[in-house]
């Protein structure tokens, strides 16, 4: 089939590679978000998908929004059979959905209808899901509600961060998306309507979502840290400034600490929660680079009874 691939971040690149390597489909162009400022100089930088497409000599379309008439005119001229999508980052309007004869097919990183929305992997980790996966489905005007073509499952490992899990799903999902394109082309694959029960939503995480509540049980604190890693990054307040918590471990042998209370030893830093303590492993003070928690504690010397959380 003749395809126009839509995607933006690094997590979309494995799927683009899988389609390019399939030998069955022609990727005539990619659609990606416009170049965005990055780094200290805030210079404009192309998205990972755009950079990869440039390396492959593929036409790159960067509309401010897919409703733009100039973009839709070019898409009609390219005349794709189907538009596969991975983490593009903008809603596709009906006027654009109708252009390819077989529509737009999204690779979504959850087992639909669970975790519809922008941050499915983060929400799955924060909810304590033991199994997740990826789904391909036909995009319609509802939020991730279209008929499902196929799924792959992935076990959630004990110490997974959202970055770890998303990386595995990106590669597993790449194969699923390529197989979905094959099945659609052959006519052997039909979308199955999503069941009405079991719908959960996964909106984009805000900075406030990533604030740690030390009154919560230790398992909940741990899940928020892992679910918010690498972005937006779990955080708390210490002496009036934000302290990011990059990594921690459960410390069930240390009990009796009030929520947020800090106890620093020579090589460890324990913090009380609503159940048992956790051990801080990596933190990032405001305006500084990540560091081992024990090194941070040696520098700030938490006083007896001093609390995290403000």
C-alpha atoms as a PDB file:
ATOM      1  CA  UNK A   1       0.000   0.000   0.000  1.00  0.00           C
ATOM      2  CA  UNK A   2       0.955   3.622  -0.389  1.00  0.00           C
ATOM      3  CA  UNK A   3       1.287   5.078   3.114  1.00  0.00           C
ATOM      4  CA  UNK A   4       1.740   8.443   4.790  1.00  0.00           C
ATOM      5  CA  UNK A   5       3.113   7.865   8.295  1.00  0.00           C
ATOM      6  CA  UNK A   6       2.228  10.289  11.116  1.00  0.00           C
ATOM      7  CA  UNK A   7       4.374  10.456  14.256  1.00  0.00           C
ATOM      8  CA  UNK A   8       6.594  12.777  16.241  1.00  0.00           C
ATOM      9  CA  UNK A   9       8.701  11.462  19.190  1.00  0.00           C
ATOM     10  CA  UNK A  10      11.460   8.853  19.368  1.00  0.00           C
ATOM     11  CA  UNK A  11       8.926   6.204  20.395  1.00  0.00           C
ATOM     12  CA  UNK A  12       7.376   6.399  16.900  1.00  0.00           C
ATOM     13  CA  UNK A  13      10.627   5.699  15.026  1.00  0.00           C
ATOM     14  CA  UNK A  14      10.612   1.864  15.428  1.00  0.00           C
ATOM     15  CA  UNK A  15       7.191   1.704  13.752  1.00  0.00           C
ATOM     16  CA  UNK A  16       8.386   3.858  10.854  1.00  0.00           C
ATOM     17  CA  UNK A  17      11.407   1.577  10.492  1.00  0.00           C
ATOM     18  CA  UNK A  18       9.181  -1.522  10.507  1.00  0.00           C
ATOM     19  CA  UNK A  19       7.048  -0.128   7.678  1.00  0.00           C
ATOM     20  CA  UNK A  20      10.116   0.867   5.659  1.00  0.00           C
ATOM     21  CA  UNK A  21      11.578  -2.624   6.100  1.00  0.00           C
ATOM     22  CA  UNK A  22       8.384  -4.508   5.336  1.00  0.00           C
ATOM     23  CA  UNK A  23       8.958  -4.681   1.587  1.00  0.00           C
ATOM     24  CA  UNK A  24       5.215  -4.512   1.006  1.00  0.00           C
ATOM     25  CA  UNK A  25       4.420  -0.870   1.552  1.00  0.00           C
ATOM     26  CA  UNK A  26       5.651   2.452   0.236  1.00  0.00           C
ATOM     27  CA  UNK A  27       6.039   5.233   2.791  1.00  0.00           C
ATOM     28  CA  UNK A  28       5.459   8.204   0.493  1.00  0.00           C
ATOM     29  CA  UNK A  29       5.724  10.886   3.211  1.00  0.00           C
ATOM     30  CA  UNK A  30       5.648  11.479   6.952  1.00  0.00           C
ATOM     31  CA  UNK A  31       3.520  13.929   8.914  1.00  0.00           C
ATOM     32  CA  UNK A  32       5.051  15.279  12.113  1.00  0.00           C
ATOM     33  CA  UNK A  33       4.749  18.211  14.485  1.00  0.00           C
ATOM     34  CA  UNK A  34       6.569  21.426  13.547  1.00  0.00           C
ATOM     35  CA  UNK A  35      10.160  21.944  14.674  1.00  0.00           C
ATOM     36  CA  UNK A  36      10.253  22.984  18.330  1.00  0.00           C
ATOM     37  CA  UNK A  37      12.754  24.966  20.449  1.00  0.00           C
ATOM     38  CA  UNK A  38      15.091  22.820  22.540  1.00  0.00           C
ATOM     39  CA  UNK A  39      18.242  23.111  24.630  1.00  0.00           C
ATOM     40  CA  UNK A  40      19.729  26.121  26.348  1.00  0.00           C
ATOM     41  CA  UNK A  41      19.852  28.119  23.131  1.00  0.00           C
ATOM     42  CA  UNK A  42      16.196  27.280  22.413  1.00  0.00           C
ATOM     43  CA  UNK A  43      17.023  26.719  18.765  1.00  0.00           C
ATOM     44  CA  UNK A  44      14.466  24.979  16.584  1.00  0.00           C
ATOM     45  CA  UNK A  45      14.982  21.225  16.386  1.00  0.00           C
ATOM     46  CA  UNK A  46      13.223  18.750  14.106  1.00  0.00           C
ATOM     47  CA  UNK A  47      11.270  15.909  15.718  1.00  0.00           C
ATOM     48  CA  UNK A  48      12.922  12.462  15.881  1.00  0.00           C
ATOM     49  CA  UNK A  49      10.527  11.213  13.184  1.00  0.00           C
ATOM     50  CA  UNK A  50      11.406  14.163  10.927  1.00  0.00           C
ATOM     51  CA  UNK A  51      15.118  13.543  11.447  1.00  0.00           C
ATOM     52  CA  UNK A  52      14.718   9.866  10.595  1.00  0.00           C
ATOM     53  CA  UNK A  53      12.611  10.623   7.534  1.00  0.00           C
ATOM     54  CA  UNK A  54      15.224  13.095   6.316  1.00  0.00           C
ATOM     55  CA  UNK A  55      17.901  10.406   6.639  1.00  0.00           C
ATOM     56  CA  UNK A  56      15.716   8.094   4.529  1.00  0.00           C
ATOM     57  CA  UNK A  57      14.969  10.750   1.910  1.00  0.00           C
ATOM     58  CA  UNK A  58      11.232  10.792   2.657  1.00  0.00           C
ATOM     59  CA  UNK A  59       9.071  13.875   2.140  1.00  0.00           C
ATOM     60  CA  UNK A  60       8.244  15.595   5.457  1.00  0.00           C
ATOM     61  CA  UNK A  61       4.989  17.451   6.133  1.00  0.00           C
ATOM     62  CA  UNK A  62       4.931  19.716   9.207  1.00  0.00           C
ATOM     63  CA  UNK A  63       1.471  21.332   9.394  1.00  0.00           C
ATOM     64  CA  UNK A  64       0.713  23.576  12.357  1.00  0.00           C
ATOM     65  CA  UNK A  65      -2.481  21.518  12.545  1.00  0.00           C
ATOM     66  CA  UNK A  66      -3.803  18.733  10.289  1.00  0.00           C
ATOM     67  CA  UNK A  67      -6.894  20.824   9.526  1.00  0.00           C
ATOM     68  CA  UNK A  68      -4.686  23.273   7.554  1.00  0.00           C
ATOM     69  CA  UNK A  69      -5.971  23.466   3.943  1.00  0.00           C
ATOM     70  CA  UNK A  70      -2.455  23.440   2.458  1.00  0.00           C
ATOM     71  CA  UNK A  71      -1.621  20.212   4.298  1.00  0.00           C
ATOM     72  CA  UNK A  72      -4.839  18.512   3.251  1.00  0.00           C
ATOM     73  CA  UNK A  73      -4.300  19.569  -0.356  1.00  0.00           C
ATOM     74  CA  UNK A  74      -0.836  18.002  -0.337  1.00  0.00           C
ATOM     75  CA  UNK A  75      -2.165  14.842   1.311  1.00  0.00           C
ATOM     76  CA  UNK A  76      -4.766  14.485  -1.439  1.00  0.00           C
ATOM     77  CA  UNK A  77      -2.042  14.918  -4.048  1.00  0.00           C
ATOM     78  CA  UNK A  78       0.045  12.159  -2.451  1.00  0.00           C
ATOM     79  CA  UNK A  79      -3.099   9.958  -2.457  1.00  0.00           C
ATOM     80  CA  UNK A  80      -2.194   7.482   0.289  1.00  0.00           C
ATOM     81  CA  UNK A  81      -4.189   4.288   0.716  1.00  0.00           C
ATOM     82  CA  UNK A  82      -3.797   4.506   4.507  1.00  0.00           C
ATOM     83  CA  UNK A  83      -2.165   6.714   7.147  1.00  0.00           C
ATOM     84  CA  UNK A  84      -0.602   4.766  10.060  1.00  0.00           C
ATOM     85  CA  UNK A  85      -0.123   6.877  13.192  1.00  0.00           C
ATOM     86  CA  UNK A  86       2.107   6.583  16.277  1.00  0.00           C
ATOM     87  CA  UNK A  87       2.158   9.375  18.888  1.00  0.00           C
ATOM     88  CA  UNK A  88       1.609  12.132  16.332  1.00  0.00           C
ATOM     89  CA  UNK A  89       0.406  14.643  18.924  1.00  0.00           C
ATOM     90  CA  UNK A  90      -2.636  16.280  17.302  1.00  0.00           C
ATOM     91  CA  UNK A  91      -6.250  15.288  16.716  1.00  0.00           C
ATOM     92  CA  UNK A  92      -7.084  14.409  13.128  1.00  0.00           C
ATOM     93  CA  UNK A  93     -10.230  16.221  11.893  1.00  0.00           C
ATOM     94  CA  UNK A  94     -12.880  14.496   9.809  1.00  0.00           C
ATOM     95  CA  UNK A  95     -11.809  16.407   6.692  1.00  0.00           C
ATOM     96  CA  UNK A  96      -8.362  14.771   6.921  1.00  0.00           C
ATOM     97  CA  UNK A  97      -9.622  11.373   8.094  1.00  0.00           C
ATOM     98  CA  UNK A  98     -11.606  11.032   4.871  1.00  0.00           C
ATOM     99  CA  UNK A  99      -8.651  11.569   2.508  1.00  0.00           C
ATOM    100  CA  UNK A 100      -6.971   8.102   2.494  1.00  0.00           C
ATOM    101  CA  UNK A 101      -9.329   5.456   1.127  1.00  0.00           C
ATOM    102  CA  UNK A 102      -8.626   3.139   4.080  1.00  0.00           C
ATOM    103  CA  UNK A 103      -8.501   5.859   6.707  1.00  0.00           C
ATOM    104  CA  UNK A 104      -5.998   6.404   9.526  1.00  0.00           C
ATOM    105  CA  UNK A 105      -4.836   3.537  11.771  1.00  0.00           C
ATOM    106  CA  UNK A 106      -3.319   4.311  15.170  1.00  0.00           C
ATOM    107  CA  UNK A 107      -0.852   2.309  17.253  1.00  0.00           C
ATOM    108  CA  UNK A 108      -1.843   3.024  20.869  1.00  0.00           C
ATOM    109  CA  UNK A 109       0.158   1.841  23.865  1.00  0.00           C
ATOM    110  CA  UNK A 110      -2.555   0.176  25.920  1.00  0.00           C
ATOM    111  CA  UNK A 111      -5.006  -2.721  25.734  1.00  0.00           C
ATOM    112  CA  UNK A 112      -8.044  -0.789  24.590  1.00  0.00           C
ATOM    113  CA  UNK A 113     -10.550   0.201  25.869  1.00  0.00           C
ATOM    114  CA  UNK A 114      -8.254   0.653  28.884  1.00  0.00           C
ATOM    115  CA  UNK A 115      -6.278   3.892  29.127  1.00  0.00           C
ATOM    116  CA  UNK A 116      -7.592   5.945  26.245  1.00  0.00           C
ATOM    117  CA  UNK A 117      -5.696   9.206  25.978  1.00  0.00           C
ATOM    118  CA  UNK A 118      -2.254  10.773  25.777  1.00  0.00           C
ATOM    119  CA  UNK A 119      -0.436   8.987  28.634  1.00  0.00           C
ATOM    120  CA  UNK A 120      -1.531   5.330  28.723  1.00  0.00           C
ATOM    121  CA  UNK A 121       1.785   3.853  29.881  1.00  0.00           C
ATOM    122  CA  UNK A 122       2.202   6.349  32.727  1.00  0.00           C
ATOM    123  CA  UNK A 123      -1.324   5.744  33.987  1.00  0.00           C
ATOM    124  CA  UNK A 124      -0.970   1.946  33.740  1.00  0.00           C
ATOM    125  CA  UNK A 125       2.125   2.062  35.953  1.00  0.00           C
ATOM    126  CA  UNK A 126       0.591   4.482  38.431  1.00  0.00           C
ATOM    127  CA  UNK A 127      -2.502   2.262  38.696  1.00  0.00           C
ATOM    128  CA  UNK A 128      -0.364  -0.812  39.395  1.00  0.00           C
ATOM    129  CA  UNK A 129      -1.379  -2.759  36.278  1.00  0.00           C
ATOM    130  CA  UNK A 130       0.502  -6.055  35.997  1.00  0.00           C
ATOM    131  CA  UNK A 131      -0.087  -6.426  32.246  1.00  0.00           C
ATOM    132  CA  UNK A 132      -0.440  -3.854  29.506  1.00  0.00           C
ATOM    133  CA  UNK A 133       0.212  -3.831  25.764  1.00  0.00           C
ATOM    134  CA  UNK A 134      -0.417  -2.071  22.479  1.00  0.00           C
ATOM    135  CA  UNK A 135      -3.416  -1.928  20.148  1.00  0.00           C
ATOM    136  CA  UNK A 136      -3.969  -0.903  16.551  1.00  0.00           C
ATOM    137  CA  UNK A 137      -7.324   0.671  15.778  1.00  0.00           C
ATOM    138  CA  UNK A 138      -9.178   2.702  13.161  1.00  0.00           C
ATOM    139  CA  UNK A 139      -9.156   6.369  14.076  1.00  0.00           C
ATOM    140  CA  UNK A 140     -12.554   8.004  14.289  1.00  0.00           C
ATOM    141  CA  UNK A 141     -13.627  11.284  15.829  1.00  0.00           C
ATOM    142  CA  UNK A 142     -14.011   9.830  19.344  1.00  0.00           C
ATOM    143  CA  UNK A 143     -11.053   9.552  21.745  1.00  0.00           C
ATOM    144  CA  UNK A 144      -9.247   6.289  20.895  1.00  0.00           C
ATOM    145  CA  UNK A 145     -12.642   4.637  20.472  1.00  0.00           C
ATOM    146  CA  UNK A 146     -12.437   3.091  16.996  1.00  0.00           C
ATOM    147  CA  UNK A 147     -12.547  -0.610  16.033  1.00  0.00           C
ATOM    148  CA  UNK A 148      -9.459  -2.601  17.054  1.00  0.00           C
ATOM    149  CA  UNK A 149      -7.446  -4.572  14.492  1.00  0.00           C
ATOM    150  CA  UNK A 150      -4.911  -6.283  16.768  1.00  0.00           C
ATOM    151  CA  UNK A 151      -3.147  -6.293  20.129  1.00  0.00           C
ATOM    152  CA  UNK A 152       0.116  -7.395  21.712  1.00  0.00           C
ATOM    153  CA  UNK A 153       0.540  -7.825  25.462  1.00  0.00           C
ATOM    154  CA  UNK A 154       3.488  -6.944  27.685  1.00  0.00           C
ATOM    155  CA  UNK A 155       4.097  -7.811  31.336  1.00  0.00           C
ATOM    156  CA  UNK A 156       4.901  -4.901  33.622  1.00  0.00           C
ATOM    157  CA  UNK A 157       8.156  -5.597  35.439  1.00  0.00           C
ATOM    158  CA  UNK A 158       8.613  -4.779  39.106  1.00  0.00           C
ATOM    159  CA  UNK A 159      10.973  -1.827  38.622  1.00  0.00           C
ATOM    160  CA  UNK A 160       9.742  -0.582  35.242  1.00  0.00           C
ATOM    161  CA  UNK A 161       9.588   3.141  34.666  1.00  0.00           C
ATOM    162  CA  UNK A 162       7.289   4.528  32.011  1.00  0.00           C
ATOM    163  CA  UNK A 163      10.381   5.058  29.855  1.00  0.00           C
ATOM    164  CA  UNK A 164      11.411   1.400  30.183  1.00  0.00           C
ATOM    165  CA  UNK A 165       7.946   0.083  29.416  1.00  0.00           C
ATOM    166  CA  UNK A 166       7.296   2.480  26.553  1.00  0.00           C
ATOM    167  CA  UNK A 167      10.562   1.475  24.870  1.00  0.00           C
ATOM    168  CA  UNK A 168       9.561  -2.208  24.899  1.00  0.00           C
ATOM    169  CA  UNK A 169       6.069  -1.407  23.668  1.00  0.00           C
ATOM    170  CA  UNK A 170       7.444   0.757  20.853  1.00  0.00           C
ATOM    171  CA  UNK A 171       9.318  -2.201  19.378  1.00  0.00           C
ATOM    172  CA  UNK A 172       6.575  -4.770  20.009  1.00  0.00           C
ATOM    173  CA  UNK A 173       3.983  -2.354  18.622  1.00  0.00           C
ATOM    174  CA  UNK A 174       6.077  -1.675  15.516  1.00  0.00           C
ATOM    175  CA  UNK A 175       5.659  -5.276  14.429  1.00  0.00           C
ATOM    176  CA  UNK A 176       1.961  -5.133  15.231  1.00  0.00           C
ATOM    177  CA  UNK A 177       1.459  -2.021  13.101  1.00  0.00           C
ATOM    178  CA  UNK A 178       3.298  -3.555  10.131  1.00  0.00           C
ATOM    179  CA  UNK A 179       1.210  -6.733  10.446  1.00  0.00           C
ATOM    180  CA  UNK A 180      -1.950  -4.632  10.646  1.00  0.00           C
ATOM    181  CA  UNK A 181      -1.055  -2.860   7.406  1.00  0.00           C
ATOM    182  CA  UNK A 182      -0.485  -6.273   5.779  1.00  0.00           C
ATOM    183  CA  UNK A 183      -3.866  -7.564   6.957  1.00  0.00           C
ATOM    184  CA  UNK A 184      -5.722  -4.455   5.845  1.00  0.00           C
ATOM    185  CA  UNK A 185      -4.090  -4.675   2.402  1.00  0.00           C
ATOM    186  CA  UNK A 186      -4.969  -8.376   2.075  1.00  0.00           C
ATOM    187  CA  UNK A 187      -8.523  -7.852   3.271  1.00  0.00           C
ATOM    188  CA  UNK A 188      -7.941 -10.522   5.930  1.00  0.00           C
ATOM    189  CA  UNK A 189      -8.202  -8.128   8.884  1.00  0.00           C
ATOM    190  CA  UNK A 190     -11.348  -6.386  10.055  1.00  0.00           C
ATOM    191  CA  UNK A 191     -11.672  -3.995  12.972  1.00  0.00           C
ATOM    192  CA  UNK A 192     -13.609  -5.259  15.988  1.00  0.00           C
ATOM    193  CA  UNK A 193     -15.697  -2.688  17.916  1.00  0.00           C
ATOM    194  CA  UNK A 194     -14.357  -1.965  21.388  1.00  0.00           C
ATOM    195  CA  UNK A 195     -16.379  -3.286  24.293  1.00  0.00           C
ATOM    196  CA  UNK A 196     -18.290  -0.668  26.252  1.00  0.00           C
ATOM    197  CA  UNK A 197     -17.171  -1.830  29.691  1.00  0.00           C
ATOM    198  CA  UNK A 198     -13.651  -1.349  30.992  1.00  0.00           C
ATOM    199  CA  UNK A 199     -13.080   2.128  29.558  1.00  0.00           C
ATOM    200  CA  UNK A 200     -10.466   4.119  31.491  1.00  0.00           C
ATOM    201  CA  UNK A 201      -8.924   7.463  30.585  1.00  0.00           C
ATOM    202  CA  UNK A 202      -5.256   8.475  30.516  1.00  0.00           C
ATOM    203  CA  UNK A 203      -4.963  12.254  30.106  1.00  0.00           C
ATOM    204  CA  UNK A 204      -1.558  13.875  29.773  1.00  0.00           C
ATOM    205  CA  UNK A 205       0.155  14.123  33.163  1.00  0.00           C
ATOM    206  CA  UNK A 206       0.530  17.569  34.637  1.00  0.00           C
ATOM    207  CA  UNK A 207       3.313  18.734  36.925  1.00  0.00           C
ATOM    208  CA  UNK A 208       0.841  18.634  39.808  1.00  0.00           C
ATOM    209  CA  UNK A 209       0.051  14.966  39.044  1.00  0.00           C
ATOM    210  CA  UNK A 210       3.732  14.238  39.659  1.00  0.00           C
ATOM    211  CA  UNK A 211       3.832  15.817  43.143  1.00  0.00           C
ATOM    212  CA  UNK A 212       4.446  13.145  45.774  1.00  0.00           C
ATOM    213  CA  UNK A 213       2.013  12.760  48.664  1.00  0.00           C
ATOM    214  CA  UNK A 214       4.020  11.201  51.483  1.00  0.00           C
ATOM    215  CA  UNK A 215       0.797  10.387  53.338  1.00  0.00           C
ATOM    216  CA  UNK A 216       0.019   7.816  50.633  1.00  0.00           C
ATOM    217  CA  UNK A 217       1.152   4.187  51.065  1.00  0.00           C
ATOM    218  CA  UNK A 218       4.701   3.392  49.988  1.00  0.00           C
ATOM    219  CA  UNK A 219       3.485   1.378  46.983  1.00  0.00           C
ATOM    220  CA  UNK A 220       1.581   4.401  45.699  1.00  0.00           C
ATOM    221  CA  UNK A 221       4.607   6.682  46.140  1.00  0.00           C
ATOM    222  CA  UNK A 222       6.766   4.162  44.268  1.00  0.00           C
ATOM    223  CA  UNK A 223       4.269   3.901  41.407  1.00  0.00           C
ATOM    224  CA  UNK A 224       4.095   7.673  40.977  1.00  0.00           C
ATOM    225  CA  UNK A 225       7.894   7.926  40.815  1.00  0.00           C
ATOM    226  CA  UNK A 226       8.141   5.149  38.226  1.00  0.00           C
ATOM    227  CA  UNK A 227       5.112   6.318  36.246  1.00  0.00           C
ATOM    228  CA  UNK A 228       6.430   9.877  36.028  1.00  0.00           C
ATOM    229  CA  UNK A 229       9.919   8.831  34.944  1.00  0.00           C
ATOM    230  CA  UNK A 230      11.431  10.250  32.808  1.00  0.00           C
ATOM    231  CA  UNK A 231       8.728  12.914  32.404  1.00  0.00           C
ATOM    232  CA  UNK A 232       7.311  14.993  33.965  1.00  0.00           C
ATOM    233  CA  UNK A 233       9.408  13.722  36.897  1.00  0.00           C
ATOM    234  CA  UNK A 234       8.089  13.077  40.413  1.00  0.00           C
ATOM    235  CA  UNK A 235       8.862  15.848  42.877  1.00  0.00           C
ATOM    236  CA  UNK A 236       8.448  17.117  46.402  1.00  0.00           C
ATOM    237  CA  UNK A 237       9.354  20.238  48.404  1.00  0.00           C
ATOM    238  CA  UNK A 238      12.379  20.538  50.673  1.00  0.00           C
ATOM    239  CA  UNK A 239      13.200  23.819  52.425  1.00  0.00           C
ATOM    240  CA  UNK A 240      10.919  25.718  50.090  1.00  0.00           C
ATOM    241  CA  UNK A 241      12.464  24.421  46.859  1.00  0.00           C
ATOM    242  CA  UNK A 242      11.449  21.678  44.479  1.00  0.00           C
ATOM    243  CA  UNK A 243      13.331  18.390  44.769  1.00  0.00           C
ATOM    244  CA  UNK A 244      12.814  15.846  42.000  1.00  0.00           C
ATOM    245  CA  UNK A 245      12.787  12.205  43.055  1.00  0.00           C
ATOM    246  CA  UNK A 246      14.315  10.248  40.192  1.00  0.00           C
ATOM    247  CA  UNK A 247      14.483   6.795  41.756  1.00  0.00           C
ATOM    248  CA  UNK A 248      13.584   5.119  45.018  1.00  0.00           C
ATOM    249  CA  UNK A 249      13.173   1.669  46.508  1.00  0.00           C
ATOM    250  CA  UNK A 250      10.782   0.220  49.049  1.00  0.00           C
ATOM    251  CA  UNK A 251      12.291  -0.117  52.526  1.00  0.00           C
ATOM    252  CA  UNK A 252       9.739  -2.190  54.472  1.00  0.00           C
ATOM    253  CA  UNK A 253      12.190  -2.967  57.296  1.00  0.00           C
ATOM    254  CA  UNK A 254      12.251   0.704  58.316  1.00  0.00           C
ATOM    255  CA  UNK A 255       8.942   1.481  60.004  1.00  0.00           C
ATOM    256  CA  UNK A 256       7.618   4.114  62.352  1.00  0.00           C
ATOM    257  CA  UNK A 257       8.674   7.201  60.373  1.00  0.00           C
ATOM    258  CA  UNK A 258       5.968   9.886  60.045  1.00  0.00           C
ATOM    259  CA  UNK A 259       4.985  10.720  56.446  1.00  0.00           C
ATOM    260  CA  UNK A 260       7.687  12.851  54.833  1.00  0.00           C
ATOM    261  CA  UNK A 261      10.176  12.458  57.699  1.00  0.00           C
ATOM    262  CA  UNK A 262      13.777  12.115  56.481  1.00  0.00           C
ATOM    263  CA  UNK A 263      16.386   9.900  58.124  1.00  0.00           C
ATOM    264  CA  UNK A 264      19.816   9.961  56.505  1.00  0.00           C
ATOM    265  CA  UNK A 265      22.502   7.369  57.240  1.00  0.00           C
ATOM    266  CA  UNK A 266      25.991   7.093  55.819  1.00  0.00           C
ATOM    267  CA  UNK A 267      24.854   5.394  52.614  1.00  0.00           C
ATOM    268  CA  UNK A 268      21.069   5.646  52.641  1.00  0.00           C
ATOM    269  CA  UNK A 269      18.184   8.118  52.933  1.00  0.00           C
ATOM    270  CA  UNK A 270      14.847   6.860  54.227  1.00  0.00           C
ATOM    271  CA  UNK A 271      11.574   8.806  54.014  1.00  0.00           C
ATOM    272  CA  UNK A 272       8.371   7.965  55.846  1.00  0.00           C
ATOM    273  CA  UNK A 273       5.085   7.367  54.005  1.00  0.00           C
ATOM    274  CA  UNK A 274       1.556   6.456  54.992  1.00  0.00           C
ATOM    275  CA  UNK A 275       2.668   2.821  55.421  1.00  0.00           C
ATOM    276  CA  UNK A 276       6.393   1.989  55.650  1.00  0.00           C
ATOM    277  CA  UNK A 277       9.450   3.933  54.585  1.00  0.00           C
ATOM    278  CA  UNK A 278      10.982   4.242  51.136  1.00  0.00           C
ATOM    279  CA  UNK A 279      14.662   4.685  50.340  1.00  0.00           C
ATOM    280  CA  UNK A 280      15.593   7.616  48.123  1.00  0.00           C
ATOM    281  CA  UNK A 281      18.202   6.568  45.567  1.00  0.00           C
ATOM    282  CA  UNK A 282      18.491   9.403  43.017  1.00  0.00           C
ATOM    283  CA  UNK A 283      17.264  12.964  43.413  1.00  0.00           C
ATOM    284  CA  UNK A 284      17.657  16.252  41.557  1.00  0.00           C
ATOM    285  CA  UNK A 285      17.690  19.509  43.519  1.00  0.00           C
ATOM    286  CA  UNK A 286      16.275  22.574  41.815  1.00  0.00           C
ATOM    287  CA  UNK A 287      18.737  23.971  39.264  1.00  0.00           C
ATOM    288  CA  UNK A 288      21.181  21.067  39.638  1.00  0.00           C
ATOM    289  CA  UNK A 289      21.966  17.751  37.979  1.00  0.00           C
ATOM    290  CA  UNK A 290      20.678  14.388  39.290  1.00  0.00           C
ATOM    291  CA  UNK A 291      22.753  12.964  42.150  1.00  0.00           C
ATOM    292  CA  UNK A 292      22.794  10.028  44.520  1.00  0.00           C
ATOM    293  CA  UNK A 293      20.426  10.678  47.407  1.00  0.00           C
ATOM    294  CA  UNK A 294      23.126   9.943  49.977  1.00  0.00           C
ATOM    295  CA  UNK A 295      25.339  12.641  48.424  1.00  0.00           C
ATOM    296  CA  UNK A 296      22.421  15.089  48.498  1.00  0.00           C
ATOM    297  CA  UNK A 297      21.761  14.339  52.169  1.00  0.00           C
ATOM    298  CA  UNK A 298      25.404  14.827  53.117  1.00  0.00           C
ATOM    299  CA  UNK A 299      25.211  18.267  51.544  1.00  0.00           C
ATOM    300  CA  UNK A 300      21.923  19.477  53.053  1.00  0.00           C
ATOM    301  CA  UNK A 301      22.113  17.576  56.385  1.00  0.00           C
ATOM    302  CA  UNK A 302      18.387  17.113  57.131  1.00  0.00           C
ATOM    303  CA  UNK A 303      17.652  18.062  60.748  1.00  0.00           C
ATOM    304  CA  UNK A 304      15.809  15.665  63.094  1.00  0.00           C
ATOM    305  CA  UNK A 305      12.083  16.010  62.425  1.00  0.00           C
ATOM    306  CA  UNK A 306      12.569  17.808  59.094  1.00  0.00           C
ATOM    307  CA  UNK A 307       9.981  16.812  56.498  1.00  0.00           C
ATOM    308  CA  UNK A 308       9.741  16.488  52.752  1.00  0.00           C
ATOM    309  CA  UNK A 309       6.597  17.868  51.200  1.00  0.00           C
ATOM    310  CA  UNK A 310       6.450  21.444  52.386  1.00  0.00           C
END
